[in-house]
């Protein structure tokens, strides 16, 4: 652990490249909606998820191992939760407006 900045940069780039393959670009809108809805409804939960995501990434990028993807799983779960919350928020908002 803590192998140096070149390892951090390599693993950070790996995470960024894999993030787009793990989550389709369409889910970016769901992530944004989820973050905004959490900010509006539960800032405590949003802070917890942000700390969990950040701590997971900071912990994982320090390892110089080939199979680093398993270390990023918790961050993917946090993003998945945010996507689900964003979809829920958008569907609730759409249901309130009703058809035409």
N, C-alpha and C. Protein backbone atom coordinates (compact mmCIF):
# COMPACT_ATOMS: atom_id res chain seq x y z
N UNK A 1 0.84 -1.18 0.00
CA UNK A 1 0.00 0.00 0.00
C UNK A 1 0.89 1.24 0.00
N UNK A 2 0.37 2.32 -0.51
CA UNK A 2 1.09 3.58 -0.64
C UNK A 2 2.39 3.39 -1.41
N UNK A 3 2.24 2.91 -2.63
CA UNK A 3 3.39 2.60 -3.47
C UNK A 3 3.96 3.82 -4.17
N UNK A 4 3.22 4.88 -4.26
CA UNK A 4 3.70 6.09 -4.91
C UNK A 4 2.64 6.71 -5.80
N UNK A 5 2.92 7.93 -6.24
CA UNK A 5 1.94 8.67 -7.05
C UNK A 5 1.73 8.07 -8.42
N UNK A 6 2.74 7.40 -8.97
CA UNK A 6 2.56 6.77 -10.28
C UNK A 6 1.54 5.65 -10.19
N UNK A 7 1.51 4.93 -9.08
CA UNK A 7 0.51 3.87 -8.88
C UNK A 7 -0.87 4.48 -8.72
N UNK A 8 -0.97 5.56 -7.95
CA UNK A 8 -2.25 6.23 -7.76
C UNK A 8 -2.79 6.71 -9.09
N UNK A 9 -1.95 7.32 -9.89
CA UNK A 9 -2.39 7.81 -11.20
C UNK A 9 -2.81 6.66 -12.11
N UNK A 10 -2.06 5.58 -12.10
CA UNK A 10 -2.40 4.41 -12.94
C UNK A 10 -3.75 3.83 -12.53
N UNK A 11 -3.96 3.65 -11.23
CA UNK A 11 -5.21 3.04 -10.77
C UNK A 11 -6.39 4.01 -10.92
N UNK A 12 -6.13 5.29 -10.74
CA UNK A 12 -7.19 6.29 -10.95
C UNK A 12 -7.63 6.29 -12.41
N UNK A 13 -6.68 6.23 -13.33
CA UNK A 13 -7.02 6.14 -14.76
C UNK A 13 -7.78 4.86 -15.06
N UNK A 14 -7.38 3.77 -14.43
CA UNK A 14 -8.07 2.50 -14.61
C UNK A 14 -9.52 2.61 -14.14
N UNK A 15 -9.72 3.24 -12.99
CA UNK A 15 -11.08 3.42 -12.47
C UNK A 15 -11.90 4.28 -13.43
N UNK A 16 -11.34 5.37 -13.89
CA UNK A 16 -12.06 6.25 -14.82
C UNK A 16 -12.42 5.56 -16.12
N UNK A 17 -11.51 4.77 -16.65
CA UNK A 17 -11.79 4.05 -17.89
C UNK A 17 -12.84 2.97 -17.68
N UNK A 18 -12.78 2.27 -16.56
CA UNK A 18 -13.75 1.21 -16.30
C UNK A 18 -15.11 1.74 -15.89
N UNK A 19 -15.15 2.93 -15.30
CA UNK A 19 -16.42 3.49 -14.88
C UNK A 19 -17.37 3.65 -16.06
N UNK A 20 -16.84 4.11 -17.17
CA UNK A 20 -17.69 4.30 -18.34
C UNK A 20 -18.13 2.97 -18.95
N UNK A 21 -17.37 1.92 -18.74
CA UNK A 21 -17.81 0.62 -19.24
C UNK A 21 -18.77 -0.07 -18.26
N UNK A 22 -18.68 0.27 -16.98
CA UNK A 22 -19.59 -0.30 -15.99
C UNK A 22 -20.97 0.36 -16.04
N UNK A 23 -21.00 1.64 -16.26
CA UNK A 23 -22.25 2.39 -16.28
C UNK A 23 -22.37 3.11 -17.62
N UNK A 24 -23.45 2.82 -18.33
CA UNK A 24 -23.70 3.45 -19.62
C UNK A 24 -23.88 4.95 -19.43
N UNK A 25 -23.54 5.72 -20.46
CA UNK A 25 -23.60 7.18 -20.33
C UNK A 25 -25.01 7.69 -20.05
N UNK A 26 -26.03 6.92 -20.37
CA UNK A 26 -27.42 7.33 -20.09
C UNK A 26 -27.65 7.45 -18.59
N UNK A 27 -26.93 6.65 -17.81
CA UNK A 27 -27.10 6.69 -16.37
C UNK A 27 -26.52 7.94 -15.73
N UNK A 28 -25.77 8.73 -16.49
CA UNK A 28 -25.23 9.98 -15.94
C UNK A 28 -26.37 10.89 -15.49
N UNK A 29 -27.44 10.95 -16.27
CA UNK A 29 -28.60 11.77 -15.89
C UNK A 29 -29.23 11.24 -14.60
N UNK A 30 -29.27 9.92 -14.46
CA UNK A 30 -29.82 9.32 -13.23
C UNK A 30 -28.92 9.61 -12.03
N UNK A 31 -27.62 9.60 -12.24
CA UNK A 31 -26.69 9.92 -11.15
C UNK A 31 -26.89 11.37 -10.71
N UNK A 32 -26.97 12.27 -11.66
CA UNK A 32 -27.16 13.69 -11.35
C UNK A 32 -28.49 13.89 -10.64
N UNK A 33 -29.56 13.25 -11.15
CA UNK A 33 -30.87 13.38 -10.50
C UNK A 33 -30.84 12.80 -9.09
N UNK A 34 -30.14 11.69 -8.92
CA UNK A 34 -30.04 11.08 -7.60
C UNK A 34 -29.30 11.96 -6.61
N UNK A 35 -28.21 12.55 -7.05
CA UNK A 35 -27.44 13.44 -6.17
C UNK A 35 -28.27 14.67 -5.81
N UNK A 36 -28.93 15.25 -6.79
CA UNK A 36 -29.76 16.43 -6.51
C UNK A 36 -30.93 16.10 -5.58
N UNK A 37 -31.57 14.95 -5.81
CA UNK A 37 -32.69 14.54 -4.95
C UNK A 37 -32.20 14.26 -3.53
N UNK A 38 -31.06 13.60 -3.41
CA UNK A 38 -30.51 13.35 -2.08
C UNK A 38 -30.12 14.64 -1.38
N UNK A 39 -29.59 15.59 -2.14
CA UNK A 39 -29.24 16.88 -1.55
C UNK A 39 -30.48 17.59 -1.02
N UNK A 40 -31.56 17.46 -1.78
CA UNK A 40 -32.81 18.12 -1.39
C UNK A 40 -33.50 17.40 -0.24
N UNK A 41 -33.46 16.06 -0.23
CA UNK A 41 -34.25 15.30 0.73
C UNK A 41 -33.46 14.78 1.93
N UNK A 42 -32.20 14.41 1.72
CA UNK A 42 -31.44 13.82 2.82
C UNK A 42 -29.96 14.11 2.66
N UNK A 43 -29.55 15.27 3.13
CA UNK A 43 -28.14 15.64 3.00
C UNK A 43 -27.24 14.75 3.84
N UNK A 44 -27.77 14.20 4.90
CA UNK A 44 -26.99 13.28 5.74
C UNK A 44 -26.65 12.00 4.96
N UNK A 45 -27.63 11.45 4.26
CA UNK A 45 -27.39 10.26 3.45
C UNK A 45 -26.45 10.56 2.30
N UNK A 46 -26.61 11.72 1.68
CA UNK A 46 -25.71 12.12 0.60
C UNK A 46 -24.28 12.25 1.10
N UNK A 47 -24.10 12.84 2.25
CA UNK A 47 -22.77 12.97 2.83
C UNK A 47 -22.17 11.59 3.13
N UNK A 48 -22.97 10.70 3.68
CA UNK A 48 -22.50 9.35 3.96
C UNK A 48 -22.06 8.64 2.67
N UNK A 49 -22.88 8.73 1.63
CA UNK A 49 -22.53 8.08 0.37
C UNK A 49 -21.30 8.70 -0.27
N UNK A 50 -21.17 10.01 -0.18
CA UNK A 50 -19.99 10.68 -0.73
C UNK A 50 -18.72 10.27 0.02
N UNK A 51 -18.81 10.20 1.34
CA UNK A 51 -17.65 9.77 2.13
C UNK A 51 -17.31 8.31 1.85
N UNK A 52 -18.31 7.48 1.71
CA UNK A 52 -18.09 6.07 1.40
C UNK A 52 -17.44 5.91 0.04
N UNK A 53 -17.94 6.64 -0.95
CA UNK A 53 -17.38 6.60 -2.29
C UNK A 53 -15.93 7.10 -2.28
N UNK A 54 -15.72 8.25 -1.67
CA UNK A 54 -14.38 8.83 -1.65
C UNK A 54 -13.37 7.97 -0.91
N UNK A 55 -13.76 7.45 0.24
CA UNK A 55 -12.86 6.61 1.02
C UNK A 55 -12.52 5.32 0.27
N UNK A 56 -13.50 4.76 -0.41
CA UNK A 56 -13.25 3.54 -1.18
C UNK A 56 -12.26 3.79 -2.30
N UNK A 57 -12.43 4.89 -3.01
CA UNK A 57 -11.53 5.21 -4.11
C UNK A 57 -10.13 5.52 -3.58
N UNK A 58 -10.05 6.33 -2.54
CA UNK A 58 -8.73 6.66 -1.98
C UNK A 58 -8.00 5.42 -1.46
N UNK A 59 -8.75 4.49 -0.90
CA UNK A 59 -8.15 3.25 -0.41
C UNK A 59 -7.68 2.37 -1.57
N UNK A 60 -8.52 2.27 -2.59
CA UNK A 60 -8.24 1.33 -3.68
C UNK A 60 -7.10 1.78 -4.59
N UNK A 61 -7.00 3.07 -4.86
CA UNK A 61 -6.00 3.52 -5.84
C UNK A 61 -4.57 3.39 -5.32
N UNK A 62 -4.41 3.10 -4.05
CA UNK A 62 -3.07 2.96 -3.49
C UNK A 62 -2.46 1.58 -3.67
N UNK A 63 -3.24 0.62 -4.15
CA UNK A 63 -2.73 -0.73 -4.34
C UNK A 63 -2.22 -0.93 -5.75
N UNK A 64 -1.04 -1.47 -5.86
CA UNK A 64 -0.46 -1.76 -7.17
C UNK A 64 -0.63 -3.25 -7.47
N UNK A 65 -1.88 -3.62 -7.73
CA UNK A 65 -2.18 -5.01 -8.08
C UNK A 65 -2.90 -5.03 -9.42
N UNK A 66 -2.86 -6.18 -10.06
CA UNK A 66 -3.47 -6.32 -11.38
C UNK A 66 -4.99 -6.34 -11.30
N UNK A 67 -5.53 -7.10 -10.35
CA UNK A 67 -6.97 -7.28 -10.24
C UNK A 67 -7.55 -6.27 -9.24
N UNK A 68 -7.49 -5.01 -9.58
CA UNK A 68 -7.92 -3.93 -8.69
C UNK A 68 -9.43 -3.73 -8.72
N UNK A 69 -10.10 -4.29 -9.70
CA UNK A 69 -11.54 -4.05 -9.87
C UNK A 69 -12.36 -4.43 -8.65
N UNK A 70 -11.97 -5.48 -7.94
CA UNK A 70 -12.73 -5.88 -6.75
C UNK A 70 -12.66 -4.82 -5.66
N UNK A 71 -11.61 -4.04 -5.64
CA UNK A 71 -11.49 -2.98 -4.65
C UNK A 71 -12.41 -1.80 -4.96
N UNK A 72 -12.84 -1.69 -6.20
CA UNK A 72 -13.75 -0.61 -6.60
C UNK A 72 -15.22 -1.00 -6.45
N UNK A 73 -15.53 -2.22 -6.05
CA UNK A 73 -16.91 -2.68 -6.01
C UNK A 73 -17.80 -1.81 -5.11
N UNK A 74 -17.33 -1.43 -3.96
CA UNK A 74 -18.15 -0.62 -3.06
C UNK A 74 -18.49 0.74 -3.69
N UNK A 75 -17.56 1.30 -4.41
CA UNK A 75 -17.86 2.58 -5.08
C UNK A 75 -18.91 2.37 -6.18
N UNK A 76 -18.87 1.23 -6.87
CA UNK A 76 -19.89 0.93 -7.87
C UNK A 76 -21.25 0.72 -7.21
N UNK A 77 -21.28 0.13 -6.04
CA UNK A 77 -22.53 -0.06 -5.32
C UNK A 77 -23.12 1.30 -4.91
N UNK A 78 -22.27 2.22 -4.46
CA UNK A 78 -22.72 3.56 -4.10
C UNK A 78 -23.30 4.26 -5.32
N UNK A 79 -22.64 4.15 -6.45
CA UNK A 79 -23.14 4.77 -7.68
C UNK A 79 -24.45 4.10 -8.10
N UNK A 80 -24.53 2.79 -7.97
CA UNK A 80 -25.78 2.08 -8.29
C UNK A 80 -26.93 2.53 -7.41
N UNK A 81 -26.66 2.74 -6.13
CA UNK A 81 -27.69 3.25 -5.22
C UNK A 81 -28.13 4.64 -5.65
N UNK A 82 -27.19 5.47 -6.03
CA UNK A 82 -27.51 6.83 -6.47
C UNK A 82 -28.33 6.80 -7.76
N UNK A 83 -28.00 5.90 -8.67
CA UNK A 83 -28.78 5.74 -9.90
C UNK A 83 -30.20 5.31 -9.57
N UNK A 84 -30.33 4.33 -8.69
CA UNK A 84 -31.67 3.86 -8.31
C UNK A 84 -32.48 4.98 -7.66
N UNK A 85 -31.85 5.76 -6.82
CA UNK A 85 -32.55 6.87 -6.18
C UNK A 85 -32.94 7.92 -7.22
N UNK A 86 -32.08 8.16 -8.19
CA UNK A 86 -32.40 9.11 -9.26
C UNK A 86 -33.57 8.64 -10.10
N UNK A 87 -33.60 7.34 -10.42
CA UNK A 87 -34.73 6.79 -11.19
C UNK A 87 -36.01 6.90 -10.39
N UNK A 88 -35.94 6.58 -9.10
CA UNK A 88 -37.12 6.70 -8.23
C UNK A 88 -37.60 8.15 -8.18
N UNK A 89 -36.68 9.08 -8.01
CA UNK A 89 -37.04 10.50 -7.94
C UNK A 89 -37.70 10.97 -9.23
N UNK A 90 -37.11 10.59 -10.37
CA UNK A 90 -37.69 11.02 -11.66
C UNK A 90 -39.04 10.39 -11.90
N UNK A 91 -39.22 9.12 -11.50
CA UNK A 91 -40.52 8.47 -11.70
C UNK A 91 -41.58 9.07 -10.78
N UNK A 92 -41.21 9.39 -9.55
CA UNK A 92 -42.15 10.04 -8.64
C UNK A 92 -42.54 11.42 -9.15
N UNK A 93 -41.59 12.13 -9.65
CA UNK A 93 -41.87 13.47 -10.18
C UNK A 93 -42.76 13.40 -11.41
N UNK A 94 -42.51 12.40 -12.26
CA UNK A 94 -43.36 12.20 -13.44
C UNK A 94 -44.77 11.77 -13.08
N UNK A 95 -44.89 10.96 -12.03
CA UNK A 95 -46.20 10.49 -11.59
C UNK A 95 -47.03 11.64 -11.01
N UNK A 96 -46.37 12.57 -10.33
CA UNK A 96 -47.07 13.72 -9.74
C UNK A 96 -47.62 14.64 -10.82
N UNK A 97 -46.88 14.79 -11.91
CA UNK A 97 -47.34 15.68 -12.98
C UNK A 97 -48.51 15.05 -13.73
N UNK A 98 -48.49 13.74 -13.84
CA UNK A 98 -49.58 13.03 -14.49
C UNK A 98 -49.54 13.21 -16.00
N UNK A 99 -50.38 12.47 -16.68
CA UNK A 99 -50.42 12.60 -18.13
C UNK A 99 -51.10 13.90 -18.56
N UNK A 100 -50.50 14.53 -19.57
CA UNK A 100 -50.97 15.73 -20.22
C UNK A 100 -51.78 16.59 -19.40
